[in-house]
Amino acid sequence: MTDSTPTEPREEVLSTIAGDRACATCGFNLHGQQVVREPHYGLVAARCPECGTLAALQEYPALGKWSRRWATTLAGLWLFVMIGVFAGTTMMTFGLTIGSVESASDIAETQLASQYSDWVRGLDQAQQDAIGQSIYFAGNANFTYSPWDVPDPSWPMIDDPARALDDIGGPWAAMDRTVRWLWILLAVLACPFGIFWSLALLHQKPWIAGLVPLAAVAAAGSLFISFGMSESAPPYTFDEMARSIYTPIAAPI
């Protein structure tokens, strides 16, 4: 009759630790150590060769099916925020660009109407009567015209309205200075949008980080061009003529 000594169950080797992982007790790097299934409790763990501590490798409970649901929800929410800020950047740029052109041309449109009034007063009665019967005429009996009136096509400056501003120093001198407040407002409003894009695209490649806000500005430019083309058909009012002068000046700024 022989005595048999019970043997301790062996640890099942599953894999090795591929990354860096510090031992919770002594701080030794467990990189390259064997990942085993501890026989007593069945835990997946790695033993520190320095101090012998058994470190469990599953530290947090799994979230189950809710993990994917929350990830999808948060990703959708983040995408919604990104689209909203992109639209906000586009519409802010578009709106303030139109506002800049409108504001810059306030003095010019009045000057154009005044120049046209002077030209009409210099005509003889027969010529004035002919203009009065024209479909392009929208002034009153005193020949005082508003920015929304349409000049007669025989007006010498109809094809080059900027010449009408020469008497007051040209387009730059005639530009309404209130437009500067809109430019300041644009700079102030652009700061939070710029901060958002800087943080949102912080880990992206530089060309991607630059492309997104440029795309918003390009979209605003496309909207502005479409808006301008929708008002490009004659007959032109003094207001539209003034905007045509300041579109290449105020819009790029």
Protein backbone atom coordinates (compact mmCIF):
# COMPACT_ATOMS: atom_id res chain seq x y z
CA MET A 1 0.00 0.00 0.00
CA THR A 2 1.44 3.34 -1.03
CA ASP A 3 0.66 6.89 0.11
CA SER A 4 -0.13 9.43 -2.63
CA THR A 5 0.41 13.14 -2.03
CA PRO A 6 -2.26 15.38 -3.65
CA THR A 7 -0.75 17.74 -6.20
CA GLU A 8 -1.59 21.44 -6.40
CA PRO A 9 -3.47 22.38 -9.58
CA ARG A 10 -1.27 24.16 -12.06
CA GLU A 11 -1.88 27.69 -13.36
CA GLU A 12 -3.14 27.67 -16.94
CA VAL A 13 -1.03 29.94 -19.15
CA LEU A 14 -3.25 31.99 -21.47
CA SER A 15 -0.92 34.57 -23.08
CA THR A 16 1.66 37.19 -22.22
CA ILE A 17 1.35 40.88 -21.40
CA ALA A 18 2.23 42.78 -24.58
CA GLY A 19 2.09 46.34 -23.21
CA ASP A 20 3.50 48.15 -20.22
CA ARG A 21 1.76 47.45 -16.93
CA ALA A 22 3.07 48.35 -13.48
CA CYS A 23 2.73 46.05 -10.50
CA ALA A 24 0.31 47.60 -8.00
CA THR A 25 2.61 46.67 -5.09
CA CYS A 26 6.20 47.33 -6.16
CA GLY A 27 5.78 49.13 -9.51
CA PHE A 28 7.74 46.52 -11.49
CA ASN A 29 6.92 46.54 -15.21
CA LEU A 30 4.98 43.35 -16.01
CA HIS A 31 5.68 43.58 -19.75
CA GLY A 32 6.32 40.07 -21.13
CA GLN A 33 4.96 38.25 -18.07
CA GLN A 34 2.64 35.30 -18.51
CA VAL A 35 -1.12 35.80 -18.25
CA VAL A 36 -2.51 32.82 -16.33
CA ARG A 37 -5.79 31.57 -14.94
CA GLU A 38 -5.39 31.37 -11.19
CA PRO A 39 -6.50 27.82 -10.22
CA HIS A 40 -8.18 28.57 -6.90
CA TYR A 41 -10.58 31.34 -7.95
CA GLY A 42 -10.32 31.08 -11.74
CA LEU A 43 -9.18 34.68 -12.12
CA VAL A 44 -7.19 35.87 -15.11
CA ALA A 45 -4.04 37.37 -13.64
CA ALA A 46 -0.33 37.92 -13.94
CA ARG A 47 2.21 37.30 -11.15
CA CYS A 48 4.89 39.90 -10.46
CA PRO A 49 8.33 38.23 -10.63
CA GLU A 50 9.74 40.89 -8.32
CA CYS A 51 7.41 40.69 -5.30
CA GLY A 52 5.11 37.79 -6.17
CA THR A 53 1.89 39.84 -6.17
CA LEU A 54 -0.90 38.32 -8.24
CA ALA A 55 -2.41 41.16 -10.29
CA ALA A 56 -5.90 40.66 -11.70
CA LEU A 57 -6.23 41.81 -15.29
CA GLN A 58 -9.99 42.45 -15.37
CA GLU A 59 -10.29 45.47 -13.12
CA TYR A 60 -13.67 46.85 -14.16
CA PRO A 61 -16.99 45.09 -14.74
CA ALA A 62 -18.27 44.93 -18.29
CA LEU A 63 -21.21 47.18 -19.13
CA GLY A 64 -22.82 44.62 -21.37
CA LYS A 65 -25.18 45.75 -24.13
CA TRP A 66 -25.55 49.20 -22.58
CA SER A 67 -21.95 50.07 -23.36
CA ARG A 68 -22.68 50.07 -27.10
CA ARG A 69 -25.94 51.95 -26.60
CA TRP A 70 -24.28 54.71 -24.59
CA ALA A 71 -21.39 54.90 -27.04
CA THR A 72 -23.80 55.26 -29.98
CA THR A 73 -25.87 57.88 -28.13
CA LEU A 74 -22.85 59.96 -27.16
CA ALA A 75 -21.36 59.70 -30.65
CA GLY A 76 -24.67 60.84 -32.17
CA LEU A 77 -24.88 63.73 -29.70
CA TRP A 78 -21.32 64.81 -30.49
CA LEU A 79 -22.01 64.64 -34.22
CA PHE A 80 -25.14 66.77 -33.70
CA VAL A 81 -23.07 69.36 -31.80
CA MET A 82 -20.40 69.41 -34.51
CA ILE A 83 -22.98 69.91 -37.27
CA GLY A 84 -24.66 72.65 -35.23
CA VAL A 85 -21.43 74.54 -34.64
CA PHE A 86 -20.47 74.12 -38.31
CA ALA A 87 -23.84 75.59 -39.33
CA GLY A 88 -23.40 78.38 -36.75
CA THR A 89 -19.96 79.23 -38.10
CA THR A 90 -21.32 79.30 -41.65
CA MET A 91 -24.38 81.42 -40.89
CA MET A 92 -22.46 83.85 -38.68
CA THR A 93 -19.94 84.45 -41.45
CA PHE A 94 -22.66 84.70 -44.11
CA GLY A 95 -24.87 87.07 -42.11
CA LEU A 96 -22.09 89.42 -41.06
CA THR A 97 -20.70 89.47 -44.60
CA ILE A 98 -24.05 90.64 -45.96
CA GLY A 99 -24.34 93.09 -43.08
CA SER A 100 -20.87 94.47 -43.82
CA VAL A 101 -21.71 95.14 -47.46
CA GLU A 102 -25.05 96.71 -46.55
CA SER A 103 -23.54 98.90 -43.84
CA ALA A 104 -20.54 99.98 -45.92
CA SER A 105 -22.78 101.11 -48.80
CA ASP A 106 -25.21 103.30 -46.78
CA ILE A 107 -23.51 106.58 -47.73
CA ALA A 108 -22.83 105.51 -51.31
CA GLU A 109 -26.45 104.68 -52.12
CA THR A 110 -27.57 108.13 -50.93
CA GLN A 111 -24.77 109.74 -52.95
CA LEU A 112 -25.82 107.85 -56.08
CA ALA A 113 -29.43 108.96 -55.68
CA SER A 114 -28.28 112.54 -55.14
CA GLN A 115 -26.02 112.49 -58.21
CA TYR A 116 -28.86 111.12 -60.30
CA SER A 117 -31.22 113.84 -59.01
CA ASP A 118 -28.69 116.51 -60.04
CA TRP A 119 -28.36 114.94 -63.47
CA VAL A 120 -32.13 114.91 -63.99
CA ARG A 121 -32.41 118.55 -62.92
CA GLY A 122 -29.83 119.47 -65.55
CA LEU A 123 -31.96 118.10 -68.39
CA ASP A 124 -34.43 120.16 -70.37
CA GLN A 125 -38.14 119.68 -69.83
CA ALA A 126 -38.60 117.39 -72.82
CA GLN A 127 -35.84 115.07 -71.61
CA GLN A 128 -37.29 115.10 -68.09
CA ASP A 129 -40.71 114.24 -69.47
CA ALA A 130 -39.20 111.37 -71.43
CA ILE A 131 -37.56 110.01 -68.31
CA GLY A 132 -40.82 110.46 -66.44
CA GLN A 133 -42.57 108.19 -68.93
CA SER A 134 -39.86 105.54 -68.70
CA ILE A 135 -40.57 102.24 -66.93
CA TYR A 136 -37.24 102.69 -65.13
CA PHE A 137 -38.38 105.89 -63.44
CA ALA A 138 -39.53 105.71 -59.81
CA GLY A 139 -38.85 109.21 -58.45
CA ASN A 140 -41.34 111.92 -57.45
CA ALA A 141 -42.09 115.30 -59.05
CA ASN A 142 -39.28 117.05 -57.17
CA PHE A 143 -36.68 114.70 -58.57
CA THR A 144 -35.63 113.58 -55.13
CA TYR A 145 -34.75 109.93 -55.33
CA SER A 146 -34.44 107.27 -52.66
CA PRO A 147 -31.88 104.41 -52.61
CA TRP A 148 -34.64 102.05 -53.78
CA ASP A 149 -35.44 104.00 -56.94
CA VAL A 150 -34.27 102.82 -60.35
CA PRO A 151 -32.29 105.27 -62.54
CA ASP A 152 -33.02 105.75 -66.23
CA PRO A 153 -30.61 103.69 -68.40
CA SER A 154 -29.49 106.87 -70.18
CA TRP A 155 -27.74 108.07 -66.99
CA PRO A 156 -24.02 108.29 -67.90
CA MET A 157 -22.89 106.58 -64.68
CA ILE A 158 -25.26 103.64 -64.89
CA ASP A 159 -22.47 101.30 -66.00
CA ASP A 160 -19.82 102.72 -63.65
CA PRO A 161 -21.55 103.88 -60.46
CA ALA A 162 -18.25 104.17 -58.60
CA ARG A 163 -17.55 107.35 -60.60
CA ALA A 164 -20.40 109.04 -58.75
CA LEU A 165 -18.34 108.72 -55.56
CA ASP A 166 -15.32 110.59 -56.95
CA ASP A 167 -16.65 113.90 -55.61
CA ILE A 168 -16.40 112.59 -52.04
CA GLY A 169 -13.05 110.81 -52.39
CA GLY A 170 -13.95 107.49 -54.01
CA PRO A 171 -15.35 104.25 -52.58
CA TRP A 172 -12.99 104.00 -49.59
CA ALA A 173 -13.65 107.58 -48.49
CA ALA A 174 -17.40 107.15 -49.02
CA MET A 175 -17.60 103.91 -47.03
CA ASP A 176 -19.85 104.23 -43.99
CA ARG A 177 -17.65 103.91 -40.90
CA THR A 178 -20.32 102.00 -38.94
CA VAL A 179 -19.18 98.91 -40.84
CA ARG A 180 -16.14 98.81 -38.56
CA TRP A 181 -18.40 97.88 -35.63
CA LEU A 182 -19.63 94.89 -37.62
CA TRP A 183 -16.05 93.83 -38.28
CA ILE A 184 -15.28 94.11 -34.56
CA LEU A 185 -18.42 92.05 -33.81
CA LEU A 186 -17.28 89.45 -36.35
CA ALA A 187 -13.90 89.18 -34.63
CA VAL A 188 -15.53 88.85 -31.19
CA LEU A 189 -18.01 86.20 -32.32
CA ALA A 190 -15.32 84.32 -34.22
CA CYS A 191 -13.28 83.79 -31.04
CA PRO A 192 -15.58 81.23 -29.32
CA PHE A 193 -16.06 79.41 -32.63
CA GLY A 194 -12.30 79.33 -33.12
CA ILE A 195 -11.76 78.04 -29.58
CA PHE A 196 -14.34 75.29 -30.13
CA TRP A 197 -12.75 74.12 -33.38
CA SER A 198 -9.26 74.28 -31.84
CA LEU A 199 -10.32 71.96 -29.01
CA ALA A 200 -12.60 69.71 -31.06
CA LEU A 201 -9.90 69.09 -33.67
CA LEU A 202 -6.96 69.09 -31.27
CA HIS A 203 -5.86 65.53 -32.07
CA GLN A 204 -6.54 65.70 -35.80
CA LYS A 205 -3.93 66.15 -38.48
CA PRO A 206 -3.17 69.83 -39.19
CA TRP A 207 -4.70 69.76 -42.66
CA ILE A 208 -7.94 68.30 -41.30
CA ALA A 209 -8.05 70.82 -38.46
CA GLY A 210 -7.65 73.64 -40.98
CA LEU A 211 -10.05 72.17 -43.52
CA VAL A 212 -13.17 72.11 -41.33
CA PRO A 213 -13.40 75.86 -40.51
CA LEU A 214 -12.28 76.72 -44.03
CA ALA A 215 -15.14 74.59 -45.33
CA ALA A 216 -17.56 76.60 -43.17
CA VAL A 217 -16.19 79.86 -44.56
CA ALA A 218 -16.35 78.45 -48.11
CA ALA A 219 -19.99 77.48 -47.54
CA ALA A 220 -20.70 81.01 -46.31
CA GLY A 221 -18.99 82.39 -49.42
CA SER A 222 -21.11 80.18 -51.66
CA LEU A 223 -24.28 81.38 -49.95
CA PHE A 224 -23.15 84.98 -50.33
CA ILE A 225 -22.41 84.54 -54.04
CA SER A 226 -25.80 82.89 -54.55
CA PHE A 227 -27.45 85.75 -52.68
CA GLY A 228 -25.63 88.29 -54.86
CA MET A 229 -26.52 86.54 -58.10
CA SER A 230 -30.19 86.48 -57.14
CA GLU A 231 -30.14 90.30 -57.23
CA SER A 232 -28.03 90.69 -60.36
CA ALA A 233 -30.86 91.18 -62.86
CA PRO A 234 -31.70 94.73 -64.07
CA PRO A 235 -33.23 97.16 -63.46
CA TYR A 236 -30.88 98.12 -60.65
CA THR A 237 -31.77 100.36 -57.73
CA PHE A 238 -29.27 102.77 -56.21
CA ASP A 239 -29.07 100.43 -53.22
CA GLU A 240 -28.09 97.49 -55.44
CA MET A 241 -25.60 99.64 -57.35
CA ALA A 242 -23.95 100.73 -54.10
CA ARG A 243 -23.72 97.13 -52.90
CA SER A 244 -22.04 96.17 -56.17
CA ILE A 245 -19.34 98.75 -55.39
CA TYR A 246 -18.67 97.49 -51.87
CA THR A 247 -19.06 93.74 -52.38
CA PRO A 248 -15.40 93.34 -53.52
CA ILE A 249 -14.26 95.68 -50.70
CA ALA A 250 -16.24 94.75 -47.58
CA ALA A 251 -17.06 91.07 -48.24
CA PRO A 252 -13.44 89.76 -48.26
CA ILE A 253 -12.70 91.55 -44.98
